[in-house]
Amino acid sequence: MTAEIIAQGVYYQYAQDNNLALKDINFKIDKGEFVAIIGPNGSGKSTLAKLLNGIFVPTKGEIYVDGVNTASKEDIWKVRQKAGMVFQNPDNQIVATVVEEDVAFGPENLGIPPAEIRIRVREALEAVELTEYAHKAPHLLSGGQKQRVAIAGILAMKPQCIILDEPTAMLDPVGRKEVISTVKKLNREEGKTIVLITHFMDEAVQADRVFVMSNGQVVMEGTPRQVFTRVEKLKSIGLDVPQVTELSYQLRKAGIEIRPDLLTLEETVDCLCQLL
């Protein structure tokens, strides 16, 4: 499978800082893959997200998005058409006073013909299940709905990949569920490549692969089961694990033989029932 995103020997240093924010980052993310990136505060997650979209350029090394080098000034709009970015605060991305006008903003700036824009806006709102809110004012929506409007605005530009930088950090549990459900739908049903930066472990377990960052480096990579069974390693770098994984870990420490790779409540219930 052709790689959607490739990072090769990537380093990044902020101008005002003597320390490297990112050090020797190397990975490949395939088309249609759902990757979650986790790590403690200051580990470099958001810096990496901005590099993937071409907002930042590597101090050293290279990042390619569908074969296009993000450091190429001539190709920067190609990069941003291929990889859309959704930020933590939806209010920072909403620019219009009507939902459908906000979703149309991106395609308009790309010079898309008006008839095509109308089709894209309709399809994008359908994808995030906000069609009935097309003529509403964004400030009247809930946090989760606003974030879905922001995602629709990215979708209308037809990216192959969507990078989400802690999109649920400012939302309540209902809003978080809305946004993650939308992200999973875009990945599973529309084949969008998803890169999700998150500090919620229950979101990361839903990805195909998880990258763990610490001190500017990717220190662990694998499927959610492979990563979250390494409870002591994750805790040593300041991360939690899913609640059911923590329960399994504590039970095993107490001498109860239970699977160490439990990720969901349903799996845990099944295992505990077999022990009774």
C-alpha atoms as a PDB file:
ATOM      1  CA  MET A   1       0.000   0.000   0.000  1.00  0.00           C
ATOM      2  CA  THR A   2       1.316   3.443  -0.925  1.00  0.00           C
ATOM      3  CA  ALA A   3       2.255   5.531   2.085  1.00  0.00           C
ATOM      4  CA  GLU A   4       0.130   8.578   2.788  1.00  0.00           C
ATOM      5  CA  ILE A   5       2.558  10.217   5.224  1.00  0.00           C
ATOM      6  CA  ILE A   6       6.268   9.509   5.639  1.00  0.00           C
ATOM      7  CA  ALA A   7       8.558  11.129   8.221  1.00  0.00           C
ATOM      8  CA  GLN A   8      12.285  10.630   7.715  1.00  0.00           C
ATOM      9  CA  GLY A   9      14.803  11.710  10.367  1.00  0.00           C
ATOM     10  CA  VAL A  10      12.697  14.688  11.449  1.00  0.00           C
ATOM     11  CA  TYR A  11      14.015  17.189  13.998  1.00  0.00           C
ATOM     12  CA  TYR A  12      12.397  20.455  15.026  1.00  0.00           C
ATOM     13  CA  GLN A  13      13.686  23.319  17.135  1.00  0.00           C
ATOM     14  CA  TYR A  14      11.779  26.463  18.065  1.00  0.00           C
ATOM     15  CA  ALA A  15      13.766  29.636  17.381  1.00  0.00           C
ATOM     16  CA  GLN A  16      13.579  30.839  20.995  1.00  0.00           C
ATOM     17  CA  ASP A  17      14.506  27.464  22.523  1.00  0.00           C
ATOM     18  CA  ASN A  18      17.899  25.788  22.739  1.00  0.00           C
ATOM     19  CA  ASN A  19      16.317  22.367  23.190  1.00  0.00           C
ATOM     20  CA  LEU A  20      14.960  20.243  20.353  1.00  0.00           C
ATOM     21  CA  ALA A  21      11.151  19.879  20.379  1.00  0.00           C
ATOM     22  CA  LEU A  22      11.361  16.789  18.139  1.00  0.00           C
ATOM     23  CA  LYS A  23      14.264  14.380  17.703  1.00  0.00           C
ATOM     24  CA  ASP A  24      14.763  11.779  14.973  1.00  0.00           C
ATOM     25  CA  ILE A  25      11.106  11.083  14.136  1.00  0.00           C
ATOM     26  CA  ASN A  26      10.645   8.250  11.621  1.00  0.00           C
ATOM     27  CA  PHE A  27       7.359   6.608  10.642  1.00  0.00           C
ATOM     28  CA  LYS A  28       5.028   5.688   7.808  1.00  0.00           C
ATOM     29  CA  ILE A  29       1.245   6.082   7.891  1.00  0.00           C
ATOM     30  CA  ASP A  30      -0.631   4.236   5.157  1.00  0.00           C
ATOM     31  CA  LYS A  31      -3.636   5.502   3.243  1.00  0.00           C
ATOM     32  CA  GLY A  32      -6.868   4.817   5.068  1.00  0.00           C
ATOM     33  CA  GLU A  33      -5.120   4.145   8.376  1.00  0.00           C
ATOM     34  CA  PHE A  34      -6.321   5.539  11.709  1.00  0.00           C
ATOM     35  CA  VAL A  35      -3.351   6.491  13.901  1.00  0.00           C
ATOM     36  CA  ALA A  36      -3.574   7.943  17.407  1.00  0.00           C
ATOM     37  CA  ILE A  37      -0.648   9.884  18.885  1.00  0.00           C
ATOM     38  CA  ILE A  38      -0.449  10.082  22.674  1.00  0.00           C
ATOM     39  CA  GLY A  39       2.088  11.454  25.125  1.00  0.00           C
ATOM     40  CA  PRO A  40       2.422  13.647  28.209  1.00  0.00           C
ATOM     41  CA  ASN A  41       2.265  17.438  27.979  1.00  0.00           C
ATOM     42  CA  GLY A  42       5.363  18.818  26.282  1.00  0.00           C
ATOM     43  CA  SER A  43       6.171  15.567  24.506  1.00  0.00           C
ATOM     44  CA  GLY A  44       5.929  17.162  21.035  1.00  0.00           C
ATOM     45  CA  LYS A  45       2.510  15.911  19.875  1.00  0.00           C
ATOM     46  CA  SER A  46       1.125  19.274  18.715  1.00  0.00           C
ATOM     47  CA  THR A  47       4.443  20.262  17.157  1.00  0.00           C
ATOM     48  CA  LEU A  48       4.385  17.064  15.115  1.00  0.00           C
ATOM     49  CA  ALA A  49       0.788  17.718  14.037  1.00  0.00           C
ATOM     50  CA  LYS A  50       1.763  21.146  12.681  1.00  0.00           C
ATOM     51  CA  LEU A  51       4.677  19.608  10.799  1.00  0.00           C
ATOM     52  CA  LEU A  52       2.400  17.074   9.097  1.00  0.00           C
ATOM     53  CA  ASN A  53       0.254  19.890   7.725  1.00  0.00           C
ATOM     54  CA  GLY A  54       3.135  22.118   6.644  1.00  0.00           C
ATOM     55  CA  ILE A  55       2.399  24.797   9.251  1.00  0.00           C
ATOM     56  CA  PHE A  56       5.918  24.138  10.555  1.00  0.00           C
ATOM     57  CA  VAL A  57       8.852  22.922   8.444  1.00  0.00           C
ATOM     58  CA  PRO A  58      11.382  20.440   9.876  1.00  0.00           C
ATOM     59  CA  THR A  59      14.650  21.919  11.125  1.00  0.00           C
ATOM     60  CA  LYS A  60      16.200  18.737   9.771  1.00  0.00           C
ATOM     61  CA  GLY A  61      14.745  15.774   7.904  1.00  0.00           C
ATOM     62  CA  GLU A  62      11.755  15.492   5.601  1.00  0.00           C
ATOM     63  CA  ILE A  63       8.021  14.836   5.731  1.00  0.00           C
ATOM     64  CA  TYR A  64       6.084  13.710   2.660  1.00  0.00           C
ATOM     65  CA  VAL A  65       2.302  13.816   2.334  1.00  0.00           C
ATOM     66  CA  ASP A  66       1.245  11.590  -0.557  1.00  0.00           C
ATOM     67  CA  GLY A  67       4.638  12.135  -2.151  1.00  0.00           C
ATOM     68  CA  VAL A  68       4.742  15.919  -1.664  1.00  0.00           C
ATOM     69  CA  ASN A  69       7.497  17.397   0.514  1.00  0.00           C
ATOM     70  CA  THR A  70       5.959  19.673   3.163  1.00  0.00           C
ATOM     71  CA  ALA A  71       9.048  21.913   3.026  1.00  0.00           C
ATOM     72  CA  SER A  72       8.385  22.848  -0.611  1.00  0.00           C
ATOM     73  CA  LYS A  73       7.008  26.409  -0.651  1.00  0.00           C
ATOM     74  CA  GLU A  74       5.695  25.890  -4.183  1.00  0.00           C
ATOM     75  CA  ASP A  75       3.666  22.867  -3.081  1.00  0.00           C
ATOM     76  CA  ILE A  76       2.402  24.018   0.317  1.00  0.00           C
ATOM     77  CA  TRP A  77      -1.213  24.357  -0.882  1.00  0.00           C
ATOM     78  CA  LYS A  78      -1.030  20.861  -2.348  1.00  0.00           C
ATOM     79  CA  VAL A  79       0.015  19.621   1.098  1.00  0.00           C
ATOM     80  CA  ARG A  80      -2.853  21.423   2.824  1.00  0.00           C
ATOM     81  CA  GLN A  81      -5.372  20.164   0.290  1.00  0.00           C
ATOM     82  CA  LYS A  82      -4.157  16.628   0.938  1.00  0.00           C
ATOM     83  CA  ALA A  83      -3.941  16.971   4.743  1.00  0.00           C
ATOM     84  CA  GLY A  84      -6.576  19.054   6.522  1.00  0.00           C
ATOM     85  CA  MET A  85      -6.043  20.239  10.086  1.00  0.00           C
ATOM     86  CA  VAL A  86      -8.608  20.431  12.906  1.00  0.00           C
ATOM     87  CA  PHE A  87      -7.502  22.274  16.040  1.00  0.00           C
ATOM     88  CA  GLN A  88      -8.391  21.978  19.717  1.00  0.00           C
ATOM     89  CA  ASN A  89     -10.686  25.015  19.914  1.00  0.00           C
ATOM     90  CA  PRO A  90     -13.388  25.021  17.191  1.00  0.00           C
ATOM     91  CA  ASP A  91     -14.030  28.727  17.769  1.00  0.00           C
ATOM     92  CA  ASN A  92     -10.578  29.408  16.307  1.00  0.00           C
ATOM     93  CA  GLN A  93     -11.595  27.787  13.009  1.00  0.00           C
ATOM     94  CA  ILE A  94     -15.129  29.108  12.585  1.00  0.00           C
ATOM     95  CA  VAL A  95     -15.080  32.351  10.604  1.00  0.00           C
ATOM     96  CA  ALA A  96     -18.659  32.864   9.313  1.00  0.00           C
ATOM     97  CA  THR A  97     -21.976  33.673  10.977  1.00  0.00           C
ATOM     98  CA  VAL A  98     -23.867  30.852   9.240  1.00  0.00           C
ATOM     99  CA  VAL A  99     -22.845  27.195   9.302  1.00  0.00           C
ATOM    100  CA  GLU A 100     -23.018  26.540   5.539  1.00  0.00           C
ATOM    101  CA  GLU A 101     -21.060  29.738   4.821  1.00  0.00           C
ATOM    102  CA  ASP A 102     -18.351  28.627   7.216  1.00  0.00           C
ATOM    103  CA  VAL A 103     -18.089  25.214   5.541  1.00  0.00           C
ATOM    104  CA  ALA A 104     -17.864  26.972   2.158  1.00  0.00           C
ATOM    105  CA  PHE A 105     -14.994  29.231   3.269  1.00  0.00           C
ATOM    106  CA  GLY A 106     -12.185  26.777   2.478  1.00  0.00           C
ATOM    107  CA  PRO A 107     -13.350  25.757  -1.014  1.00  0.00           C
ATOM    108  CA  GLU A 108     -13.964  29.423  -1.879  1.00  0.00           C
ATOM    109  CA  ASN A 109     -10.340  30.210  -1.032  1.00  0.00           C
ATOM    110  CA  LEU A 110      -9.244  27.351  -3.266  1.00  0.00           C
ATOM    111  CA  GLY A 111     -11.101  28.942  -6.183  1.00  0.00           C
ATOM    112  CA  ILE A 112     -13.663  26.144  -6.521  1.00  0.00           C
ATOM    113  CA  PRO A 113     -16.643  27.100  -8.782  1.00  0.00           C
ATOM    114  CA  PRO A 114     -19.811  28.082  -6.827  1.00  0.00           C
ATOM    115  CA  ALA A 115     -21.872  25.141  -8.127  1.00  0.00           C
ATOM    116  CA  GLU A 116     -19.218  22.677  -6.961  1.00  0.00           C
ATOM    117  CA  ILE A 117     -18.954  24.458  -3.592  1.00  0.00           C
ATOM    118  CA  ARG A 118     -22.680  23.978  -2.968  1.00  0.00           C
ATOM    119  CA  ILE A 119     -22.302  20.237  -3.633  1.00  0.00           C
ATOM    120  CA  ARG A 120     -19.273  19.988  -1.357  1.00  0.00           C
ATOM    121  CA  VAL A 121     -20.973  21.884   1.482  1.00  0.00           C
ATOM    122  CA  ARG A 122     -24.023  19.634   1.304  1.00  0.00           C
ATOM    123  CA  GLU A 123     -21.897  16.461   1.243  1.00  0.00           C
ATOM    124  CA  ALA A 124     -19.670  17.664   4.088  1.00  0.00           C
ATOM    125  CA  LEU A 125     -22.624  18.515   6.330  1.00  0.00           C
ATOM    126  CA  GLU A 126     -24.191  15.151   5.539  1.00  0.00           C
ATOM    127  CA  ALA A 127     -20.940  13.402   6.487  1.00  0.00           C
ATOM    128  CA  VAL A 128     -20.876  15.030   9.934  1.00  0.00           C
ATOM    129  CA  GLU A 129     -24.683  14.732  10.321  1.00  0.00           C
ATOM    130  CA  LEU A 130     -25.329  18.477  10.579  1.00  0.00           C
ATOM    131  CA  THR A 131     -27.496  19.056   7.502  1.00  0.00           C
ATOM    132  CA  GLU A 132     -30.369  20.430   9.591  1.00  0.00           C
ATOM    133  CA  TYR A 133     -28.047  23.076  11.039  1.00  0.00           C
ATOM    134  CA  ALA A 134     -26.908  24.489   7.678  1.00  0.00           C
ATOM    135  CA  HIS A 135     -28.662  27.834   8.203  1.00  0.00           C
ATOM    136  CA  LYS A 136     -27.967  28.137  11.922  1.00  0.00           C
ATOM    137  CA  ALA A 137     -25.477  30.481  13.571  1.00  0.00           C
ATOM    138  CA  PRO A 138     -22.415  28.544  14.795  1.00  0.00           C
ATOM    139  CA  HIS A 139     -22.399  30.324  18.168  1.00  0.00           C
ATOM    140  CA  LEU A 140     -25.770  28.711  18.956  1.00  0.00           C
ATOM    141  CA  LEU A 141     -24.345  25.186  18.608  1.00  0.00           C
ATOM    142  CA  SER A 142     -22.865  22.959  21.308  1.00  0.00           C
ATOM    143  CA  GLY A 143     -19.105  22.429  21.548  1.00  0.00           C
ATOM    144  CA  GLY A 144     -19.337  19.038  19.861  1.00  0.00           C
ATOM    145  CA  GLN A 145     -21.462  20.435  17.044  1.00  0.00           C
ATOM    146  CA  LYS A 146     -19.021  23.330  16.521  1.00  0.00           C
ATOM    147  CA  GLN A 147     -16.142  20.885  16.240  1.00  0.00           C
ATOM    148  CA  ARG A 148     -18.120  18.890  13.675  1.00  0.00           C
ATOM    149  CA  VAL A 149     -18.675  22.125  11.710  1.00  0.00           C
ATOM    150  CA  ALA A 150     -14.893  22.625  11.763  1.00  0.00           C
ATOM    151  CA  ILE A 151     -14.424  19.062  10.468  1.00  0.00           C
ATOM    152  CA  ALA A 152     -17.027  19.702   7.736  1.00  0.00           C
ATOM    153  CA  GLY A 153     -15.058  22.793   6.680  1.00  0.00           C
ATOM    154  CA  ILE A 154     -11.988  20.594   6.215  1.00  0.00           C
ATOM    155  CA  LEU A 155     -13.977  17.876   4.416  1.00  0.00           C
ATOM    156  CA  ALA A 156     -15.295  20.408   1.909  1.00  0.00           C
ATOM    157  CA  MET A 157     -11.721  20.882   0.709  1.00  0.00           C
ATOM    158  CA  LYS A 158     -11.588  17.138  -0.118  1.00  0.00           C
ATOM    159  CA  PRO A 159      -8.442  16.157   1.826  1.00  0.00           C
ATOM    160  CA  GLN A 160      -7.154  12.583   1.765  1.00  0.00           C
ATOM    161  CA  CYS A 161      -5.962  12.885   5.351  1.00  0.00           C
ATOM    162  CA  ILE A 162      -7.372  14.666   8.420  1.00  0.00           C
ATOM    163  CA  ILE A 163      -5.066  15.628  11.292  1.00  0.00           C
ATOM    164  CA  LEU A 164      -6.878  16.389  14.536  1.00  0.00           C
ATOM    165  CA  ASP A 165      -4.918  18.101  17.311  1.00  0.00           C
ATOM    166  CA  GLU A 166      -6.728  17.225  20.566  1.00  0.00           C
ATOM    167  CA  PRO A 167     -10.146  18.016  19.044  1.00  0.00           C
ATOM    168  CA  THR A 168     -12.074  16.850  22.117  1.00  0.00           C
ATOM    169  CA  ALA A 169      -9.938  18.466  24.834  1.00  0.00           C
ATOM    170  CA  MET A 170     -12.418  21.317  25.429  1.00  0.00           C
ATOM    171  CA  LEU A 171     -15.594  19.230  25.109  1.00  0.00           C
ATOM    172  CA  ASP A 172     -17.894  17.505  27.569  1.00  0.00           C
ATOM    173  CA  PRO A 173     -18.380  13.701  27.323  1.00  0.00           C
ATOM    174  CA  VAL A 174     -21.347  14.068  24.934  1.00  0.00           C
ATOM    175  CA  GLY A 175     -19.377  16.361  22.626  1.00  0.00           C
ATOM    176  CA  ARG A 176     -16.371  14.046  22.756  1.00  0.00           C
ATOM    177  CA  LYS A 177     -18.523  11.091  21.746  1.00  0.00           C
ATOM    178  CA  GLU A 178     -20.026  13.054  18.821  1.00  0.00           C
ATOM    179  CA  VAL A 179     -16.624  14.046  17.459  1.00  0.00           C
ATOM    180  CA  ILE A 180     -14.965  10.623  17.812  1.00  0.00           C
ATOM    181  CA  SER A 181     -17.993   8.945  16.234  1.00  0.00           C
ATOM    182  CA  THR A 182     -17.646  11.331  13.285  1.00  0.00           C
ATOM    183  CA  VAL A 183     -13.905  10.662  13.003  1.00  0.00           C
ATOM    184  CA  LYS A 184     -14.433   6.887  12.996  1.00  0.00           C
ATOM    185  CA  LYS A 185     -17.165   7.191  10.370  1.00  0.00           C
ATOM    186  CA  LEU A 186     -14.904   9.239   8.078  1.00  0.00           C
ATOM    187  CA  ASN A 187     -12.175   6.631   8.447  1.00  0.00           C
ATOM    188  CA  ARG A 188     -14.283   3.474   8.103  1.00  0.00           C
ATOM    189  CA  GLU A 189     -16.866   4.612   5.555  1.00  0.00           C
ATOM    190  CA  GLU A 190     -15.012   7.211   3.477  1.00  0.00           C
ATOM    191  CA  GLY A 191     -11.483   5.845   3.739  1.00  0.00           C
ATOM    192  CA  LYS A 192      -9.962   9.038   5.139  1.00  0.00           C
ATOM    193  CA  THR A 193      -6.553   8.718   6.718  1.00  0.00           C
ATOM    194  CA  ILE A 194      -6.871   9.914  10.318  1.00  0.00           C
ATOM    195  CA  VAL A 195      -4.110  11.201  12.601  1.00  0.00           C
ATOM    196  CA  LEU A 196      -5.611  11.878  16.035  1.00  0.00           C
ATOM    197  CA  ILE A 197      -3.597  13.651  18.716  1.00  0.00           C
ATOM    198  CA  THR A 198      -5.291  12.919  22.030  1.00  0.00           C
ATOM    199  CA  HIS A 199      -4.731  12.599  25.774  1.00  0.00           C
ATOM    200  CA  PHE A 200      -7.836  10.437  26.216  1.00  0.00           C
ATOM    201  CA  MET A 201      -6.813   6.787  26.250  1.00  0.00           C
ATOM    202  CA  ASP A 202     -10.349   5.589  25.453  1.00  0.00           C
ATOM    203  CA  GLU A 203     -10.071   7.467  22.142  1.00  0.00           C
ATOM    204  CA  ALA A 204      -6.650   6.041  21.335  1.00  0.00           C
ATOM    205  CA  VAL A 205      -7.843   2.432  21.760  1.00  0.00           C
ATOM    206  CA  GLN A 206     -10.149   2.904  18.771  1.00  0.00           C
ATOM    207  CA  ALA A 207      -7.259   3.540  16.372  1.00  0.00           C
ATOM    208  CA  ASP A 208      -5.494   1.008  14.145  1.00  0.00           C
ATOM    209  CA  ARG A 209      -2.101   2.007  15.558  1.00  0.00           C
ATOM    210  CA  VAL A 210      -0.864   4.105  18.455  1.00  0.00           C
ATOM    211  CA  PHE A 211       2.330   6.180  18.570  1.00  0.00           C
ATOM    212  CA  VAL A 212       3.568   7.096  22.053  1.00  0.00           C
ATOM    213  CA  MET A 213       5.700  10.235  22.356  1.00  0.00           C
ATOM    214  CA  SER A 214       8.005  11.337  25.155  1.00  0.00           C
ATOM    215  CA  ASN A 215      10.608  14.099  25.179  1.00  0.00           C
ATOM    216  CA  GLY A 216      10.216  14.773  21.475  1.00  0.00           C
ATOM    217  CA  GLN A 217      10.591  11.174  20.338  1.00  0.00           C
ATOM    218  CA  VAL A 218       8.339   8.285  19.343  1.00  0.00           C
ATOM    219  CA  VAL A 219       9.207   5.802  22.091  1.00  0.00           C
ATOM    220  CA  MET A 220       6.574   3.159  21.391  1.00  0.00           C
ATOM    221  CA  GLU A 221       4.447   2.112  18.426  1.00  0.00           C
ATOM    222  CA  GLY A 222       1.973  -0.667  17.793  1.00  0.00           C
ATOM    223  CA  THR A 223      -1.646  -1.714  17.884  1.00  0.00           C
ATOM    224  CA  PRO A 224      -3.653  -0.525  20.904  1.00  0.00           C
ATOM    225  CA  ARG A 225      -3.364  -4.003  22.449  1.00  0.00           C
ATOM    226  CA  GLN A 226       0.401  -4.062  21.976  1.00  0.00           C
ATOM    227  CA  VAL A 227       0.873  -0.581  23.420  1.00  0.00           C
ATOM    228  CA  PHE A 228      -1.523  -0.583  26.357  1.00  0.00           C
ATOM    229  CA  THR A 229      -0.348  -3.912  27.776  1.00  0.00           C
ATOM    230  CA  ARG A 230       2.925  -2.126  28.621  1.00  0.00           C
ATOM    231  CA  VAL A 231       1.327  -0.498  31.644  1.00  0.00           C
ATOM    232  CA  GLU A 232       4.484   0.127  33.661  1.00  0.00           C
ATOM    233  CA  LYS A 233       6.321   1.665  30.692  1.00  0.00           C
ATOM    234  CA  LEU A 234       3.412   4.018  29.973  1.00  0.00           C
ATOM    235  CA  LYS A 235       3.146   5.052  33.608  1.00  0.00           C
ATOM    236  CA  SER A 236       6.886   5.694  33.753  1.00  0.00           C
ATOM    237  CA  ILE A 237       6.524   8.402  31.100  1.00  0.00           C
ATOM    238  CA  GLY A 238       3.486   9.956  32.762  1.00  0.00           C
ATOM    239  CA  LEU A 239       0.593   8.348  30.888  1.00  0.00           C
ATOM    240  CA  ASP A 240      -2.512   6.546  32.061  1.00  0.00           C
ATOM    241  CA  VAL A 241      -3.981   3.428  30.488  1.00  0.00           C
ATOM    242  CA  PRO A 242      -7.650   2.632  29.759  1.00  0.00           C
ATOM    243  CA  GLN A 243      -9.580   1.888  32.946  1.00  0.00           C
ATOM    244  CA  VAL A 244     -10.232  -1.755  32.037  1.00  0.00           C
ATOM    245  CA  THR A 245      -6.545  -2.257  31.224  1.00  0.00           C
ATOM    246  CA  GLU A 246      -5.663  -0.796  34.639  1.00  0.00           C
ATOM    247  CA  LEU A 247      -8.170  -3.164  36.269  1.00  0.00           C
ATOM    248  CA  SER A 248      -6.620  -6.142  34.480  1.00  0.00           C
ATOM    249  CA  TYR A 249      -3.146  -4.985  35.532  1.00  0.00           C
ATOM    250  CA  GLN A 250      -4.125  -4.700  39.202  1.00  0.00           C
ATOM    251  CA  LEU A 251      -5.908  -8.078  39.180  1.00  0.00           C
ATOM    252  CA  ARG A 252      -2.843  -9.775  37.697  1.00  0.00           C
ATOM    253  CA  LYS A 253      -0.658  -8.145  40.360  1.00  0.00           C
ATOM    254  CA  ALA A 254      -3.027  -9.674  42.931  1.00  0.00           C
ATOM    255  CA  GLY A 255      -2.444 -13.116  41.428  1.00  0.00           C
ATOM    256  CA  ILE A 256      -5.644 -13.426  39.389  1.00  0.00           C
ATOM    257  CA  GLU A 257      -5.008 -14.850  35.921  1.00  0.00           C
ATOM    258  CA  ILE A 258      -6.822 -12.549  33.512  1.00  0.00           C
ATOM    259  CA  ARG A 259      -5.921 -11.385  30.009  1.00  0.00           C
ATOM    260  CA  PRO A 260      -3.453  -8.468  30.103  1.00  0.00           C
ATOM    261  CA  ASP A 261      -4.632  -6.950  26.804  1.00  0.00           C
ATOM    262  CA  LEU A 262      -8.215  -6.023  27.697  1.00  0.00           C
ATOM    263  CA  LEU A 263      -9.365  -2.761  26.126  1.00  0.00           C
ATOM    264  CA  THR A 264     -13.165  -2.721  26.375  1.00  0.00           C
ATOM    265  CA  LEU A 265     -15.736  -3.188  29.107  1.00  0.00           C
ATOM    266  CA  GLU A 266     -17.386  -6.015  27.150  1.00  0.00           C
ATOM    267  CA  GLU A 267     -14.128  -7.982  26.958  1.00  0.00           C
ATOM    268  CA  THR A 268     -13.530  -7.481  30.658  1.00  0.00           C
ATOM    269  CA  VAL A 269     -17.001  -8.669  31.628  1.00  0.00           C
ATOM    270  CA  ASP A 270     -16.570 -11.808  29.494  1.00  0.00           C
ATOM    271  CA  CYS A 271     -13.198 -12.591  31.104  1.00  0.00           C
ATOM    272  CA  LEU A 272     -14.438 -12.035  34.650  1.00  0.00           C
ATOM    273  CA  CYS A 273     -17.505 -14.217  34.019  1.00  0.00           C
ATOM    274  CA  GLN A 274     -15.236 -17.057  32.892  1.00  0.00           C
ATOM    275  CA  LEU A 275     -13.312 -16.797  36.170  1.00  0.00           C
ATOM    276  CA  LEU A 276     -16.427 -17.119  38.339  1.00  0.00           C
END
